[in-house]
Amino acid sequence: MDRRKALKNEYKEGKIVGGVYRVTNTRNGMYLLDYTVNLQAKQNSFNFMVSFGSCLDYRLKKDLAALGGKAFIFEILEALEKKKEQSRDDFIDDLKMLMQLWGEKLDSSTRY
């Protein structure tokens, strides 16, 4: 319940939290690395995918069809709050840079 209240307060305060996330196929170790301007919305989309078998990203489609949503996990690698004075484009540029840094840390041979 406290988490729900915190999210509601964040919404009221206009906080925008984006970040870099990874969706990992637990059966073969392949992963999708991406960024989003709204981590909570992306987490909700992933939860929907797992529950109903819809596809979060076209790159996962084949494995999702074969293995089902339960074979995938969602992980937030880094969260970033948008500054009030920051433009959306600048925020996206920062998120892309974060994703690039994470891409350099992770094994690219198992990336979708």
Protein backbone atom coordinates (compact mmCIF):
# COMPACT_ATOMS: atom_id res chain seq x y z
CA MET A 1 0.00 0.00 0.00
CA ASP A 2 2.89 2.36 0.78
CA ARG A 3 4.32 1.85 -2.72
CA ARG A 4 0.99 2.81 -4.24
CA LYS A 5 0.84 5.96 -2.14
CA ALA A 6 4.42 6.87 -3.12
CA LEU A 7 3.61 6.42 -6.81
CA LYS A 8 0.53 8.59 -6.44
CA ASN A 9 2.60 11.33 -4.78
CA GLU A 10 5.25 11.09 -7.50
CA TYR A 11 2.54 11.49 -10.11
CA LYS A 12 1.12 14.53 -8.35
CA GLU A 13 4.58 16.09 -8.08
CA GLY A 14 5.14 15.50 -11.77
CA LYS A 15 8.23 13.35 -11.34
CA ILE A 16 9.22 11.50 -14.47
CA VAL A 17 11.48 8.53 -13.94
CA GLY A 18 13.01 6.83 -16.92
CA GLY A 19 15.89 4.46 -17.17
CA VAL A 20 17.63 1.52 -18.70
CA TYR A 21 16.16 -1.94 -18.38
CA ARG A 22 16.91 -5.49 -19.42
CA VAL A 23 14.48 -8.27 -20.26
CA THR A 24 16.25 -11.62 -19.97
CA ASN A 25 15.22 -14.97 -21.38
CA THR A 26 15.94 -17.28 -18.44
CA ARG A 27 16.10 -20.34 -20.69
CA ASN A 28 18.89 -19.27 -23.03
CA GLY A 29 20.39 -16.16 -21.39
CA MET A 30 19.56 -13.86 -24.31
CA TYR A 31 18.57 -10.37 -23.24
CA LEU A 32 16.96 -7.24 -24.60
CA LEU A 33 18.57 -3.98 -23.48
CA ASP A 34 16.58 -0.79 -23.90
CA TYR A 35 15.64 2.52 -22.31
CA THR A 36 12.32 4.16 -21.55
CA VAL A 37 11.16 7.56 -20.38
CA ASN A 38 8.71 5.85 -18.00
CA LEU A 39 10.04 2.84 -16.10
CA GLN A 40 6.78 2.14 -14.30
CA ALA A 41 4.81 2.00 -17.55
CA LYS A 42 7.41 -0.34 -19.10
CA GLN A 43 7.30 -2.59 -16.02
CA ASN A 44 3.49 -2.67 -16.32
CA SER A 45 3.77 -3.56 -20.01
CA PHE A 46 6.13 -6.39 -19.16
CA ASN A 47 3.77 -7.70 -16.47
CA PHE A 48 0.94 -7.63 -19.02
CA MET A 49 3.13 -9.52 -21.50
CA VAL A 50 3.87 -12.23 -18.96
CA SER A 51 0.22 -12.56 -17.99
CA PHE A 52 -1.34 -12.54 -21.44
CA GLY A 53 1.42 -13.59 -23.83
CA SER A 54 1.53 -10.33 -25.74
CA CYS A 55 4.86 -9.15 -27.08
CA LEU A 56 6.79 -6.33 -25.39
CA ASP A 57 9.23 -6.04 -28.30
CA TYR A 58 9.33 -7.64 -31.75
CA ARG A 59 12.82 -9.04 -31.02
CA LEU A 60 11.34 -11.27 -28.31
CA LYS A 61 8.42 -12.51 -30.39
CA LYS A 62 9.84 -15.87 -31.52
CA ASP A 63 11.13 -16.90 -28.08
CA LEU A 64 8.00 -15.59 -26.38
CA ALA A 65 5.83 -17.73 -28.66
CA ALA A 66 7.96 -20.81 -27.99
CA LEU A 67 8.60 -20.38 -24.26
CA GLY A 68 5.84 -18.15 -22.90
CA GLY A 69 6.14 -15.00 -20.83
CA LYS A 70 7.17 -16.81 -17.65
CA ALA A 71 10.57 -17.51 -19.25
CA PHE A 72 11.44 -13.79 -19.13
CA ILE A 73 12.42 -11.47 -16.31
CA PHE A 74 12.39 -7.66 -16.22
CA GLU A 75 15.22 -5.86 -14.50
CA ILE A 76 15.75 -2.13 -14.03
CA LEU A 77 19.46 -1.53 -14.47
CA GLU A 78 19.46 2.20 -13.79
CA ALA A 79 16.78 4.78 -13.06
CA LEU A 80 17.07 8.46 -13.88
CA GLU A 81 14.73 11.22 -12.82
CA LYS A 82 14.01 13.93 -15.38
CA LYS A 83 15.00 17.34 -14.11
CA LYS A 84 12.25 19.96 -14.22
CA GLU A 85 14.31 22.27 -16.43
CA GLN A 86 15.37 19.45 -18.76
CA SER A 87 13.70 19.07 -22.15
CA ARG A 88 12.26 15.72 -23.19
CA ASP A 89 14.87 15.45 -25.97
CA ASP A 90 17.73 16.10 -23.54
CA PHE A 91 16.26 13.51 -21.16
CA ILE A 92 16.10 10.96 -23.98
CA ASP A 93 19.70 11.75 -24.94
CA ASP A 94 20.77 11.07 -21.35
CA LEU A 95 18.87 7.77 -21.36
CA LYS A 96 20.48 6.73 -24.64
CA MET A 97 23.91 7.47 -23.19
CA LEU A 98 23.11 5.38 -20.11
CA MET A 99 21.97 2.53 -22.35
CA GLN A 100 25.19 2.76 -24.35
CA LEU A 101 27.24 2.56 -21.14
CA TRP A 102 25.28 -0.49 -20.00
CA GLY A 103 25.70 -2.05 -23.44
CA GLU A 104 29.47 -1.78 -23.02
CA LYS A 105 29.30 -3.54 -19.62
CA LEU A 106 27.13 -6.45 -20.76
CA ASP A 107 27.98 -9.40 -23.00
CA SER A 108 26.87 -8.37 -26.48
CA SER A 109 26.97 -11.96 -27.79
CA THR A 110 23.77 -12.80 -25.89
CA ARG A 111 21.88 -9.65 -26.83
CA TYR A 112 18.74 -9.84 -28.96
